[in-house]
Amino acid sequence: MASSPAVPAPTPVPAPAALTERGRQKADRRAAILTAAATLFAERGYAGVTIEDLGTAVGVSGPAVYRHFPGKAAVLAAILEGASRALLDGAERVLHEASEPEISLRALIAHHVDFALGDADVILVQDRELEQLDTAPRHEVRLLQRRYVELWVDVLARLRPDRAETELRVRAHAAFGLLNSTPHSARIPGRRPADGTVRGILEEMAWASLMS
């Protein structure tokens, strides 16, 4: 009697935990590249940093960076799009949790201060390098920024119904300029007070500029 043909053993499927671990490691490396890139771009300028510099900063070869990004332009786009999206998402979250317009505005200010104190390098890169982005990512960043501004204008309009939207929009941009100036002063060694002090000053001045 002929024997049955052998059935090939099934290809081993990696356990979900292993897949998750690899994914986590890849996400961690990608985040490390973005953090290092923001620092290097802020210190040297976008044009003064190479892919090899980015790899060295995170302990890999330059070509290894291409496993995460197709090129240096994509790294810059990820930094600036990520920052704008994080600001917008955070603002929407705090507004969802707030009830009264005054509470909403103070929450927006606190949220932006968090960003200014925590992402100084990103702010500097955005100020200097936004025009280096290709057309599509630059358009996306601008769109996210406009949506962010309009959240502030909507809250201000409830607090200042006597003022035109045009004026409120100018006030919002002025407040951003004030808050985003923090990275410049933060880079003066030995002269910057503690974050707690800086936070109080920024929140007080932003509120005054918006409500005066």
N, C-alpha and C. Protein backbone atom coordinates (compact mmCIF):
# COMPACT_ATOMS: atom_id res chain seq x y z
N MET A 1 0.86 -1.19 0.00
CA MET A 1 0.00 0.00 0.00
C MET A 1 0.88 1.23 0.00
N ALA A 2 0.60 2.16 -0.92
CA ALA A 2 1.42 3.35 -1.03
C ALA A 2 1.24 4.23 0.18
N SER A 3 2.34 4.77 0.60
CA SER A 3 2.26 5.69 1.76
C SER A 3 1.73 7.04 1.31
N SER A 4 1.10 7.72 2.23
CA SER A 4 0.57 9.07 1.94
C SER A 4 1.72 10.04 1.76
N PRO A 5 1.54 10.98 0.81
CA PRO A 5 2.61 11.97 0.63
C PRO A 5 2.82 12.78 1.90
N ALA A 6 4.08 13.10 2.12
CA ALA A 6 4.40 13.88 3.33
C ALA A 6 3.77 15.27 3.24
N VAL A 7 3.24 15.70 4.33
CA VAL A 7 2.64 17.04 4.40
C VAL A 7 3.70 18.01 4.92
N PRO A 8 4.00 19.07 4.15
CA PRO A 8 5.02 20.02 4.60
C PRO A 8 4.65 20.62 5.95
N ALA A 9 5.65 20.75 6.77
CA ALA A 9 5.41 21.38 8.07
C ALA A 9 5.03 22.84 7.85
N PRO A 10 4.08 23.35 8.60
CA PRO A 10 3.70 24.75 8.44
C PRO A 10 4.84 25.69 8.79
N THR A 11 4.90 26.78 8.04
CA THR A 11 5.93 27.79 8.32
C THR A 11 5.67 28.42 9.67
N PRO A 12 6.66 28.44 10.54
CA PRO A 12 6.44 29.03 11.86
C PRO A 12 6.00 30.49 11.75
N VAL A 13 5.01 30.84 12.50
CA VAL A 13 4.51 32.22 12.53
C VAL A 13 5.01 32.88 13.80
N PRO A 14 5.69 33.99 13.69
CA PRO A 14 6.20 34.65 14.88
C PRO A 14 5.07 34.96 15.85
N ALA A 15 5.34 34.79 17.10
CA ALA A 15 4.34 35.09 18.11
C ALA A 15 4.00 36.56 18.09
N PRO A 16 2.75 36.92 18.39
CA PRO A 16 2.37 38.34 18.41
C PRO A 16 3.27 39.18 19.29
N ALA A 17 3.71 38.63 20.41
CA ALA A 17 4.58 39.40 21.31
C ALA A 17 5.88 39.78 20.61
N ALA A 18 6.43 38.81 19.80
CA ALA A 18 7.67 39.09 19.09
C ALA A 18 7.48 40.18 18.05
N LEU A 19 6.35 40.10 17.33
CA LEU A 19 6.05 41.12 16.34
C LEU A 19 5.91 42.48 17.01
N THR A 20 5.24 42.51 18.14
CA THR A 20 5.06 43.75 18.87
C THR A 20 6.39 44.32 19.33
N GLU A 21 7.28 43.46 19.79
CA GLU A 21 8.59 43.90 20.25
C GLU A 21 9.39 44.49 19.11
N ARG A 22 9.37 43.84 17.94
CA ARG A 22 10.09 44.38 16.79
C ARG A 22 9.51 45.72 16.38
N GLY A 23 8.18 45.79 16.40
CA GLY A 23 7.54 47.06 16.05
C GLY A 23 7.89 48.15 17.03
N ARG A 24 7.97 47.80 18.31
CA ARG A 24 8.31 48.79 19.32
C ARG A 24 9.75 49.29 19.12
N GLN A 25 10.66 48.35 18.82
CA GLN A 25 12.04 48.74 18.61
C GLN A 25 12.18 49.66 17.39
N LYS A 26 11.42 49.34 16.35
CA LYS A 26 11.48 50.18 15.15
C LYS A 26 10.92 51.57 15.45
N ALA A 27 9.81 51.63 16.20
CA ALA A 27 9.23 52.92 16.56
C ALA A 27 10.17 53.72 17.44
N ASP A 28 10.86 53.03 18.36
CA ASP A 28 11.80 53.72 19.24
C ASP A 28 12.97 54.29 18.45
N ARG A 29 13.48 53.52 17.50
CA ARG A 29 14.59 54.01 16.69
C ARG A 29 14.16 55.19 15.83
N ARG A 30 12.96 55.11 15.27
CA ARG A 30 12.45 56.22 14.47
C ARG A 30 12.32 57.49 15.32
N ALA A 31 11.79 57.33 16.52
CA ALA A 31 11.63 58.48 17.42
C ALA A 31 12.99 59.06 17.79
N ALA A 32 13.98 58.18 18.01
CA ALA A 32 15.32 58.64 18.36
C ALA A 32 15.94 59.44 17.21
N ILE A 33 15.70 58.98 15.98
CA ILE A 33 16.22 59.71 14.82
C ILE A 33 15.59 61.10 14.75
N LEU A 34 14.30 61.19 14.97
CA LEU A 34 13.62 62.48 14.90
C LEU A 34 14.11 63.43 16.00
N THR A 35 14.30 62.90 17.19
CA THR A 35 14.79 63.73 18.29
C THR A 35 16.20 64.24 17.99
N ALA A 36 17.06 63.34 17.54
CA ALA A 36 18.43 63.74 17.20
C ALA A 36 18.44 64.74 16.05
N ALA A 37 17.59 64.50 15.06
CA ALA A 37 17.54 65.40 13.91
C ALA A 37 17.10 66.79 14.32
N ALA A 38 16.11 66.88 15.19
CA ALA A 38 15.65 68.20 15.64
C ALA A 38 16.78 68.95 16.32
N THR A 39 17.54 68.27 17.15
CA THR A 39 18.67 68.90 17.84
C THR A 39 19.74 69.34 16.85
N LEU A 40 20.09 68.46 15.93
CA LEU A 40 21.14 68.79 14.95
C LEU A 40 20.70 69.91 14.00
N PHE A 41 19.45 69.84 13.53
CA PHE A 41 18.95 70.90 12.64
C PHE A 41 18.93 72.24 13.36
N ALA A 42 18.58 72.23 14.65
CA ALA A 42 18.54 73.48 15.42
C ALA A 42 19.94 74.04 15.62
N GLU A 43 20.91 73.15 15.82
CA GLU A 43 22.28 73.60 16.09
C GLU A 43 23.03 74.00 14.83
N ARG A 44 22.88 73.22 13.75
CA ARG A 44 23.70 73.41 12.55
C ARG A 44 22.93 73.92 11.35
N GLY A 45 21.61 73.87 11.42
CA GLY A 45 20.81 74.17 10.25
C GLY A 45 20.58 72.92 9.43
N TYR A 46 19.47 72.88 8.72
CA TYR A 46 19.11 71.71 7.92
C TYR A 46 20.21 71.37 6.90
N ALA A 47 20.73 72.40 6.23
CA ALA A 47 21.72 72.16 5.18
C ALA A 47 23.04 71.65 5.75
N GLY A 48 23.28 71.89 7.03
CA GLY A 48 24.55 71.51 7.62
C GLY A 48 24.57 70.12 8.23
N VAL A 49 23.50 69.35 8.03
CA VAL A 49 23.40 68.01 8.61
C VAL A 49 23.23 66.99 7.50
N THR A 50 23.96 65.90 7.59
CA THR A 50 23.86 64.83 6.59
C THR A 50 23.15 63.61 7.19
N ILE A 51 22.76 62.70 6.32
CA ILE A 51 22.18 61.44 6.77
C ILE A 51 23.17 60.69 7.66
N GLU A 52 24.45 60.76 7.31
CA GLU A 52 25.47 60.10 8.13
C GLU A 52 25.50 60.70 9.53
N ASP A 53 25.32 62.04 9.63
CA ASP A 53 25.28 62.69 10.94
C ASP A 53 24.11 62.16 11.77
N LEU A 54 22.97 61.98 11.12
CA LEU A 54 21.80 61.48 11.84
C LEU A 54 22.04 60.07 12.33
N GLY A 55 22.65 59.23 11.49
CA GLY A 55 22.93 57.87 11.91
C GLY A 55 23.90 57.84 13.08
N THR A 56 24.94 58.63 12.99
CA THR A 56 25.93 58.67 14.07
C THR A 56 25.30 59.10 15.38
N ALA A 57 24.38 60.04 15.32
CA ALA A 57 23.76 60.57 16.53
C ALA A 57 22.94 59.52 17.28
N VAL A 58 22.46 58.50 16.56
CA VAL A 58 21.66 57.46 17.22
C VAL A 58 22.38 56.11 17.22
N GLY A 59 23.65 56.11 16.85
CA GLY A 59 24.44 54.90 16.94
C GLY A 59 24.26 53.90 15.84
N VAL A 60 23.88 54.36 14.63
CA VAL A 60 23.75 53.45 13.49
C VAL A 60 24.49 54.07 12.31
N SER A 61 24.63 53.29 11.25
CA SER A 61 25.25 53.81 10.04
C SER A 61 24.27 54.73 9.32
N GLY A 62 24.81 55.60 8.48
CA GLY A 62 23.94 56.49 7.71
C GLY A 62 22.91 55.74 6.90
N PRO A 63 23.32 54.70 6.13
CA PRO A 63 22.34 53.96 5.33
C PRO A 63 21.23 53.33 6.16
N ALA A 64 21.48 53.04 7.43
CA ALA A 64 20.44 52.45 8.28
C ALA A 64 19.28 53.40 8.51
N VAL A 65 19.55 54.70 8.39
CA VAL A 65 18.48 55.69 8.56
C VAL A 65 17.42 55.50 7.49
N TYR A 66 17.84 55.02 6.29
CA TYR A 66 16.91 54.86 5.18
C TYR A 66 15.90 53.74 5.43
N ARG A 67 16.11 52.93 6.43
CA ARG A 67 15.10 51.94 6.79
C ARG A 67 13.87 52.61 7.41
N HIS A 68 14.04 53.82 7.87
CA HIS A 68 12.96 54.53 8.55
C HIS A 68 12.45 55.72 7.75
N PHE A 69 13.32 56.33 6.95
CA PHE A 69 12.94 57.51 6.18
C PHE A 69 13.60 57.43 4.80
N PRO A 70 12.90 57.86 3.75
CA PRO A 70 13.50 57.80 2.41
C PRO A 70 14.62 58.82 2.19
N GLY A 71 14.74 59.80 3.07
CA GLY A 71 15.78 60.79 2.92
C GLY A 71 15.68 61.86 3.98
N LYS A 72 16.61 62.81 3.94
CA LYS A 72 16.67 63.86 4.95
C LYS A 72 15.42 64.75 4.90
N ALA A 73 14.91 65.00 3.70
CA ALA A 73 13.71 65.83 3.57
C ALA A 73 12.52 65.20 4.29
N ALA A 74 12.44 63.87 4.24
CA ALA A 74 11.35 63.17 4.92
C ALA A 74 11.49 63.28 6.44
N VAL A 75 12.73 63.34 6.92
CA VAL A 75 12.95 63.52 8.36
C VAL A 75 12.45 64.89 8.79
N LEU A 76 12.80 65.91 8.05
CA LEU A 76 12.34 67.27 8.36
C LEU A 76 10.82 67.35 8.32
N ALA A 77 10.22 66.73 7.30
CA ALA A 77 8.76 66.75 7.19
C ALA A 77 8.12 66.05 8.39
N ALA A 78 8.69 64.94 8.82
CA ALA A 78 8.13 64.21 9.96
C ALA A 78 8.22 65.03 11.23
N ILE A 79 9.31 65.76 11.41
CA ILE A 79 9.46 66.60 12.60
C ILE A 79 8.39 67.70 12.62
N LEU A 80 8.26 68.43 11.52
CA LEU A 80 7.37 69.58 11.50
C LEU A 80 5.89 69.18 11.43
N GLU A 81 5.59 68.16 10.64
CA GLU A 81 4.20 67.68 10.62
C GLU A 81 3.82 67.11 11.98
N GLY A 82 4.73 66.36 12.58
CA GLY A 82 4.44 65.77 13.88
C GLY A 82 4.19 66.81 14.94
N ALA A 83 4.99 67.88 14.94
CA ALA A 83 4.81 68.94 15.93
C ALA A 83 3.47 69.65 15.74
N SER A 84 3.14 69.97 14.50
CA SER A 84 1.88 70.68 14.24
C SER A 84 0.68 69.80 14.58
N ARG A 85 0.79 68.52 14.26
CA ARG A 85 -0.33 67.62 14.57
C ARG A 85 -0.46 67.41 16.07
N ALA A 86 0.66 67.32 16.78
CA ALA A 86 0.60 67.16 18.23
C ALA A 86 -0.02 68.39 18.89
N LEU A 87 0.32 69.57 18.42
CA LEU A 87 -0.28 70.79 18.96
C LEU A 87 -1.78 70.80 18.73
N LEU A 88 -2.19 70.47 17.51
CA LEU A 88 -3.62 70.47 17.19
C LEU A 88 -4.37 69.41 17.98
N ASP A 89 -3.86 68.20 18.01
CA ASP A 89 -4.53 67.12 18.75
C ASP A 89 -4.64 67.45 20.23
N GLY A 90 -3.56 68.00 20.79
CA GLY A 90 -3.59 68.36 22.20
C GLY A 90 -4.59 69.46 22.50
N ALA A 91 -4.67 70.45 21.60
CA ALA A 91 -5.64 71.54 21.78
C ALA A 91 -7.07 71.02 21.72
N GLU A 92 -7.34 70.15 20.77
CA GLU A 92 -8.68 69.57 20.68
C GLU A 92 -9.02 68.78 21.94
N ARG A 93 -8.03 68.10 22.48
CA ARG A 93 -8.26 67.30 23.68
C ARG A 93 -8.58 68.19 24.90
N VAL A 94 -7.79 69.24 25.09
CA VAL A 94 -8.03 70.09 26.27
C VAL A 94 -9.34 70.86 26.13
N LEU A 95 -9.71 71.20 24.92
CA LEU A 95 -10.99 71.91 24.73
C LEU A 95 -12.17 70.97 24.98
N HIS A 96 -11.99 69.71 24.63
CA HIS A 96 -13.05 68.73 24.89
C HIS A 96 -13.27 68.56 26.39
N GLU A 97 -12.20 68.68 27.15
CA GLU A 97 -12.29 68.48 28.59
C GLU A 97 -12.71 69.74 29.34
N ALA A 98 -12.53 70.91 28.73
CA ALA A 98 -12.87 72.16 29.40
C ALA A 98 -14.34 72.51 29.16
N SER A 99 -14.87 73.36 30.04
CA SER A 99 -16.28 73.73 29.92
C SER A 99 -16.45 75.21 29.60
N GLU A 100 -15.99 76.07 30.49
CA GLU A 100 -16.15 77.51 30.30
C GLU A 100 -15.06 78.06 29.40
N PRO A 101 -15.36 79.16 28.68
CA PRO A 101 -14.36 79.73 27.77
C PRO A 101 -13.07 80.17 28.47
N GLU A 102 -13.17 80.72 29.68
CA GLU A 102 -11.95 81.13 30.38
C GLU A 102 -11.09 79.92 30.71
N ILE A 103 -11.72 78.85 31.17
CA ILE A 103 -10.98 77.62 31.46
C ILE A 103 -10.35 77.08 30.18
N SER A 104 -11.10 77.16 29.08
CA SER A 104 -10.59 76.67 27.79
C SER A 104 -9.35 77.44 27.36
N LEU A 105 -9.39 78.76 27.49
CA LEU A 105 -8.24 79.57 27.06
C LEU A 105 -7.03 79.29 27.93
N ARG A 106 -7.24 79.20 29.23
CA ARG A 106 -6.10 78.91 30.12
C ARG A 106 -5.53 77.53 29.81
N ALA A 107 -6.38 76.59 29.45
CA ALA A 107 -5.90 75.25 29.10
C ALA A 107 -5.11 75.28 27.79
N LEU A 108 -5.57 76.07 26.83
CA LEU A 108 -4.83 76.21 25.58
C LEU A 108 -3.46 76.83 25.83
N ILE A 109 -3.42 77.86 26.65
CA ILE A 109 -2.14 78.50 26.96
C ILE A 109 -1.20 77.51 27.63
N ALA A 110 -1.70 76.78 28.62
CA ALA A 110 -0.86 75.80 29.32
C ALA A 110 -0.35 74.73 28.36
N HIS A 111 -1.22 74.30 27.46
CA HIS A 111 -0.83 73.30 26.46
C HIS A 111 0.30 73.82 25.58
N HIS A 112 0.20 75.05 25.13
CA HIS A 112 1.24 75.60 24.26
C HIS A 112 2.53 75.84 25.04
N VAL A 113 2.42 76.22 26.30
CA VAL A 113 3.61 76.39 27.12
C VAL A 113 4.33 75.05 27.28
N ASP A 114 3.58 73.97 27.46
CA ASP A 114 4.19 72.64 27.51
C ASP A 114 5.04 72.38 26.27
N PHE A 115 4.48 72.73 25.13
CA PHE A 115 5.19 72.53 23.87
C PHE A 115 6.43 73.41 23.80
N ALA A 116 6.29 74.69 24.18
CA ALA A 116 7.42 75.62 24.11
C ALA A 116 8.57 75.19 25.01
N LEU A 117 8.25 74.68 26.19
CA LEU A 117 9.29 74.27 27.13
C LEU A 117 9.86 72.90 26.78
N GLY A 118 9.06 72.04 26.18
CA GLY A 118 9.50 70.68 25.92
C GLY A 118 10.09 70.44 24.55
N ASP A 119 9.79 71.33 23.59
CA ASP A 119 10.23 71.10 22.20
C ASP A 119 10.91 72.33 21.63
N ALA A 120 11.85 72.88 22.40
CA ALA A 120 12.54 74.10 21.97
C ALA A 120 13.24 73.92 20.63
N ASP A 121 13.90 72.77 20.44
CA ASP A 121 14.61 72.55 19.18
C ASP A 121 13.65 72.52 17.99
N VAL A 122 12.49 71.90 18.18
CA VAL A 122 11.51 71.82 17.10
C VAL A 122 11.04 73.22 16.70
N ILE A 123 10.82 74.08 17.69
CA ILE A 123 10.37 75.44 17.39
C ILE A 123 11.43 76.17 16.57
N LEU A 124 12.68 76.03 16.95
CA LEU A 124 13.74 76.68 16.19
C LEU A 124 13.81 76.14 14.76
N VAL A 125 13.67 74.85 14.61
CA VAL A 125 13.70 74.25 13.27
C VAL A 125 12.52 74.77 12.45
N GLN A 126 11.35 74.84 13.04
CA GLN A 126 10.19 75.34 12.30
C GLN A 126 10.39 76.78 11.87
N ASP A 127 10.93 77.61 12.76
CA ASP A 127 11.16 79.02 12.43
C ASP A 127 12.10 79.17 11.24
N ARG A 128 13.13 78.32 11.21
CA ARG A 128 14.19 78.50 10.23
C ARG A 128 14.04 77.68 8.96
N GLU A 129 13.41 76.52 9.06
CA GLU A 129 13.50 75.54 7.98
C GLU A 129 12.19 75.18 7.32
N LEU A 130 11.09 75.81 7.69
CA LEU A 130 9.80 75.42 7.12
C LEU A 130 9.80 75.49 5.60
N GLU A 131 10.44 76.50 5.05
CA GLU A 131 10.44 76.65 3.60
C GLU A 131 11.30 75.61 2.89
N GLN A 132 12.06 74.83 3.65
CA GLN A 132 12.84 73.75 3.04
C GLN A 132 11.97 72.55 2.69
N LEU A 133 10.77 72.50 3.25
CA LEU A 133 9.89 71.36 2.97
C LEU A 133 9.44 71.35 1.52
N ASP A 134 9.20 70.16 1.01
CA ASP A 134 8.59 70.03 -0.30
C ASP A 134 7.16 70.59 -0.24
N THR A 135 6.56 70.81 -1.39
CA THR A 135 5.27 71.50 -1.44
C THR A 135 4.19 70.80 -0.64
N ALA A 136 4.05 69.50 -0.81
CA ALA A 136 2.95 68.77 -0.14
C ALA A 136 3.07 68.80 1.38
N PRO A 137 4.23 68.45 1.96
CA PRO A 137 4.31 68.52 3.42
C PRO A 137 4.23 69.94 3.96
N ARG A 138 4.73 70.91 3.20
CA ARG A 138 4.61 72.31 3.65
C ARG A 138 3.16 72.72 3.70
N HIS A 139 2.39 72.32 2.69
CA HIS A 139 0.96 72.61 2.67
C HIS A 139 0.26 71.95 3.85
N GLU A 140 0.64 70.72 4.16
CA GLU A 140 0.02 70.01 5.28
C GLU A 140 0.33 70.71 6.61
N VAL A 141 1.57 71.14 6.79
CA VAL A 141 1.93 71.84 8.02
C VAL A 141 1.14 73.14 8.13
N ARG A 142 1.04 73.87 7.05
CA ARG A 142 0.29 75.13 7.07
C ARG A 142 -1.18 74.88 7.40
N LEU A 143 -1.74 73.82 6.85
CA LEU A 143 -3.14 73.49 7.11
C LEU A 143 -3.35 73.17 8.59
N LEU A 144 -2.48 72.37 9.15
CA LEU A 144 -2.58 72.03 10.57
C LEU A 144 -2.44 73.28 11.44
N GLN A 145 -1.53 74.16 11.05
CA GLN A 145 -1.34 75.39 11.82
C GLN A 145 -2.58 76.28 11.77
N ARG A 146 -3.20 76.38 10.60
CA ARG A 146 -4.41 77.20 10.48
C ARG A 146 -5.53 76.64 11.34
N ARG A 147 -5.68 75.33 11.34
CA ARG A 147 -6.72 74.71 12.17
C ARG A 147 -6.46 74.97 13.65
N TYR A 148 -5.20 74.95 14.03
CA TYR A 148 -4.83 75.23 15.42
C TYR A 148 -5.18 76.67 15.79
N VAL A 149 -4.85 77.61 14.94
CA VAL A 149 -5.16 79.01 15.20
C VAL A 149 -6.66 79.21 15.37
N GLU A 150 -7.44 78.58 14.52
CA GLU A 150 -8.89 78.78 14.57
C GLU A 150 -9.50 78.26 15.86
N LEU A 151 -8.90 77.24 16.47
CA LEU A 151 -9.38 76.80 17.77
C LEU A 151 -9.23 77.92 18.80
N TRP A 152 -8.11 78.60 18.77
CA TRP A 152 -7.89 79.72 19.68
C TRP A 152 -8.86 80.86 19.39
N VAL A 153 -9.04 81.15 18.11
CA VAL A 153 -9.93 82.26 17.73
C VAL A 153 -11.36 81.97 18.19
N ASP A 154 -11.81 80.73 18.06
CA ASP A 154 -13.16 80.38 18.49
C ASP A 154 -13.34 80.62 19.99
N VAL A 155 -12.34 80.25 20.79
CA VAL A 155 -12.43 80.46 22.23
C VAL A 155 -12.38 81.95 22.55
N LEU A 156 -11.48 82.68 21.90
CA LEU A 156 -11.37 84.11 22.14
C LEU A 156 -12.66 84.84 21.77
N ALA A 157 -13.31 84.37 20.71
CA ALA A 157 -14.56 85.02 20.29
C ALA A 157 -15.64 84.89 21.34
N ARG A 158 -15.62 83.82 22.11
CA ARG A 158 -16.60 83.66 23.19
C ARG A 158 -16.27 84.57 24.37
N LEU A 159 -14.97 84.81 24.57
CA LEU A 159 -14.56 85.68 25.67
C LEU A 159 -14.60 87.16 25.29
N ARG A 160 -14.36 87.44 24.02
CA ARG A 160 -14.31 88.83 23.54
C ARG A 160 -15.26 89.03 22.36
N PRO A 161 -16.56 88.90 22.59
CA PRO A 161 -17.50 89.05 21.48
C PRO A 161 -17.53 90.45 20.90
N ASP A 162 -16.94 91.41 21.60
CA ASP A 162 -16.89 92.79 21.13
C ASP A 162 -15.78 93.03 20.12
N ARG A 163 -14.92 92.04 19.91
CA ARG A 163 -13.76 92.22 19.02
C ARG A 163 -13.94 91.43 17.73
N ALA A 164 -13.43 91.99 16.64
CA ALA A 164 -13.53 91.33 15.34
C ALA A 164 -12.62 90.11 15.30
N GLU A 165 -13.02 89.12 14.49
CA GLU A 165 -12.20 87.91 14.37
C GLU A 165 -10.80 88.23 13.87
N THR A 166 -10.68 89.22 13.01
CA THR A 166 -9.36 89.58 12.49
C THR A 166 -8.44 89.99 13.63
N GLU A 167 -8.96 90.79 14.56
CA GLU A 167 -8.15 91.21 15.71
C GLU A 167 -7.80 90.01 16.59
N LEU A 168 -8.77 89.14 16.82
CA LEU A 168 -8.53 87.98 17.67
C LEU A 168 -7.47 87.07 17.07
N ARG A 169 -7.48 86.97 15.75
CA ARG A 169 -6.48 86.13 15.07
C ARG A 169 -5.09 86.74 15.23
N VAL A 170 -5.01 88.06 15.14
CA VAL A 170 -3.73 88.74 15.34
C VAL A 170 -3.24 88.51 16.76
N ARG A 171 -4.15 88.60 17.72
CA ARG A 171 -3.77 88.38 19.12
C ARG A 171 -3.27 86.95 19.33
N ALA A 172 -3.93 85.99 18.72
CA ALA A 172 -3.49 84.60 18.85
C ALA A 172 -2.08 84.42 18.30
N HIS A 173 -1.82 84.96 17.12
CA HIS A 173 -0.49 84.84 16.54
C HIS A 173 0.56 85.55 17.40
N ALA A 174 0.18 86.69 17.98
CA ALA A 174 1.12 87.40 18.85
C ALA A 174 1.45 86.57 20.09
N ALA A 175 0.44 85.89 20.63
CA ALA A 175 0.67 85.03 21.79
C ALA A 175 1.60 83.87 21.42
N PHE A 176 1.41 83.29 20.24
CA PHE A 176 2.30 82.22 19.80
C PHE A 176 3.74 82.73 19.70
N GLY A 177 3.89 83.95 19.15
CA GLY A 177 5.23 84.52 19.03
C GLY A 177 5.89 84.68 20.38
N LEU A 178 5.11 85.13 21.35
CA LEU A 178 5.63 85.27 22.71
C LEU A 178 6.06 83.92 23.28
N LEU A 179 5.16 82.95 23.20
CA LEU A 179 5.46 81.63 23.78
C LEU A 179 6.60 80.93 23.05
N ASN A 180 6.64 81.08 21.73
CA ASN A 180 7.67 80.39 20.95
C ASN A 180 9.03 81.06 21.02
N SER A 181 9.10 82.25 21.64
CA SER A 181 10.40 82.91 21.79
C SER A 181 11.23 82.24 22.87
N THR A 182 10.61 81.39 23.67
CA THR A 182 11.29 80.73 24.79
C THR A 182 12.56 80.00 24.36
N PRO A 183 12.56 79.24 23.26
CA PRO A 183 13.78 78.51 22.89
C PRO A 183 14.98 79.41 22.70
N HIS A 184 14.77 80.63 22.22
CA HIS A 184 15.90 81.53 21.98
C HIS A 184 16.55 81.94 23.30
N SER A 185 15.74 82.29 24.29
CA SER A 185 16.29 82.66 25.58
C SER A 185 16.83 81.43 26.31
N ALA A 186 16.24 80.26 26.04
CA ALA A 186 16.68 79.04 26.73
C ALA A 186 18.09 78.64 26.32
N ARG A 187 18.56 79.13 25.19
CA ARG A 187 19.88 78.73 24.72
C ARG A 187 20.99 79.66 25.21
N ILE A 188 20.66 80.59 26.13
CA ILE A 188 21.68 81.44 26.72
C ILE A 188 22.15 80.78 28.00
N PRO A 189 23.32 80.17 28.04
CA PRO A 189 23.74 79.39 29.20
C PRO A 189 23.78 80.23 30.48
N GLY A 190 23.25 79.66 31.55
CA GLY A 190 23.35 80.27 32.85
C GLY A 190 22.40 81.42 33.12
N ARG A 191 21.56 81.78 32.15
CA ARG A 191 20.70 82.93 32.35
C ARG A 191 19.22 82.59 32.45
N ARG A 192 18.90 81.35 32.21
CA ARG A 192 17.49 80.98 32.16
C ARG A 192 17.01 80.48 33.51
N PRO A 193 15.90 81.04 34.02
CA PRO A 193 15.36 80.56 35.29
C PRO A 193 14.76 79.17 35.14
N ALA A 194 14.34 78.60 36.28
CA ALA A 194 13.75 77.26 36.26
C ALA A 194 12.47 77.23 35.45
N ASP A 195 12.14 76.03 34.92
CA ASP A 195 10.95 75.89 34.09
C ASP A 195 9.69 76.36 34.80
N GLY A 196 9.60 76.09 36.10
CA GLY A 196 8.41 76.51 36.84
C GLY A 196 8.23 78.02 36.81
N THR A 197 9.34 78.74 36.95
CA THR A 197 9.28 80.20 36.89
C THR A 197 8.93 80.66 35.48
N VAL A 198 9.58 80.06 34.50
CA VAL A 198 9.33 80.42 33.10
C VAL A 198 7.86 80.17 32.76
N ARG A 199 7.33 79.03 33.20
CA ARG A 199 5.94 78.69 32.90
C ARG A 199 5.00 79.77 33.43
N GLY A 200 5.19 80.18 34.68
CA GLY A 200 4.31 81.18 35.26
C GLY A 200 4.37 82.50 34.50
N ILE A 201 5.57 82.90 34.14
CA ILE A 201 5.74 84.16 33.39
C ILE A 201 5.05 84.08 32.03
N LEU A 202 5.28 82.98 31.32
CA LEU A 202 4.71 82.83 29.99
C LEU A 202 3.18 82.79 30.03
N GLU A 203 2.63 82.04 30.97
CA GLU A 203 1.17 81.94 31.05
C GLU A 203 0.55 83.30 31.39
N GLU A 204 1.17 84.03 32.31
CA GLU A 204 0.65 85.35 32.70
C GLU A 204 0.71 86.32 31.53
N MET A 205 1.85 86.34 30.82
CA MET A 205 2.01 87.30 29.73
C MET A 205 1.11 86.93 28.55
N ALA A 206 0.97 85.63 28.27
CA ALA A 206 0.10 85.22 27.17
C ALA A 206 -1.35 85.61 27.45
N TRP A 207 -1.79 85.36 28.67
CA TRP A 207 -3.16 85.74 29.04
C TRP A 207 -3.36 87.25 28.87
N ALA A 208 -2.40 88.03 29.34
CA ALA A 208 -2.52 89.49 29.25
C ALA A 208 -2.56 89.95 27.79
N SER A 209 -1.73 89.34 26.94
CA SER A 209 -1.70 89.75 25.54
C SER A 209 -3.00 89.42 24.82
N LEU A 210 -3.65 88.36 25.25
CA LEU A 210 -4.90 87.94 24.60
C LEU A 210 -6.12 88.70 25.11
N MET A 211 -6.09 89.10 26.37
CA MET A 211 -7.27 89.65 27.00
C MET A 211 -7.22 91.15 27.29
N SER A 212 -6.11 91.79 27.00
CA SER A 212 -5.99 93.22 27.30
C SER A 212 -6.92 94.06 26.43
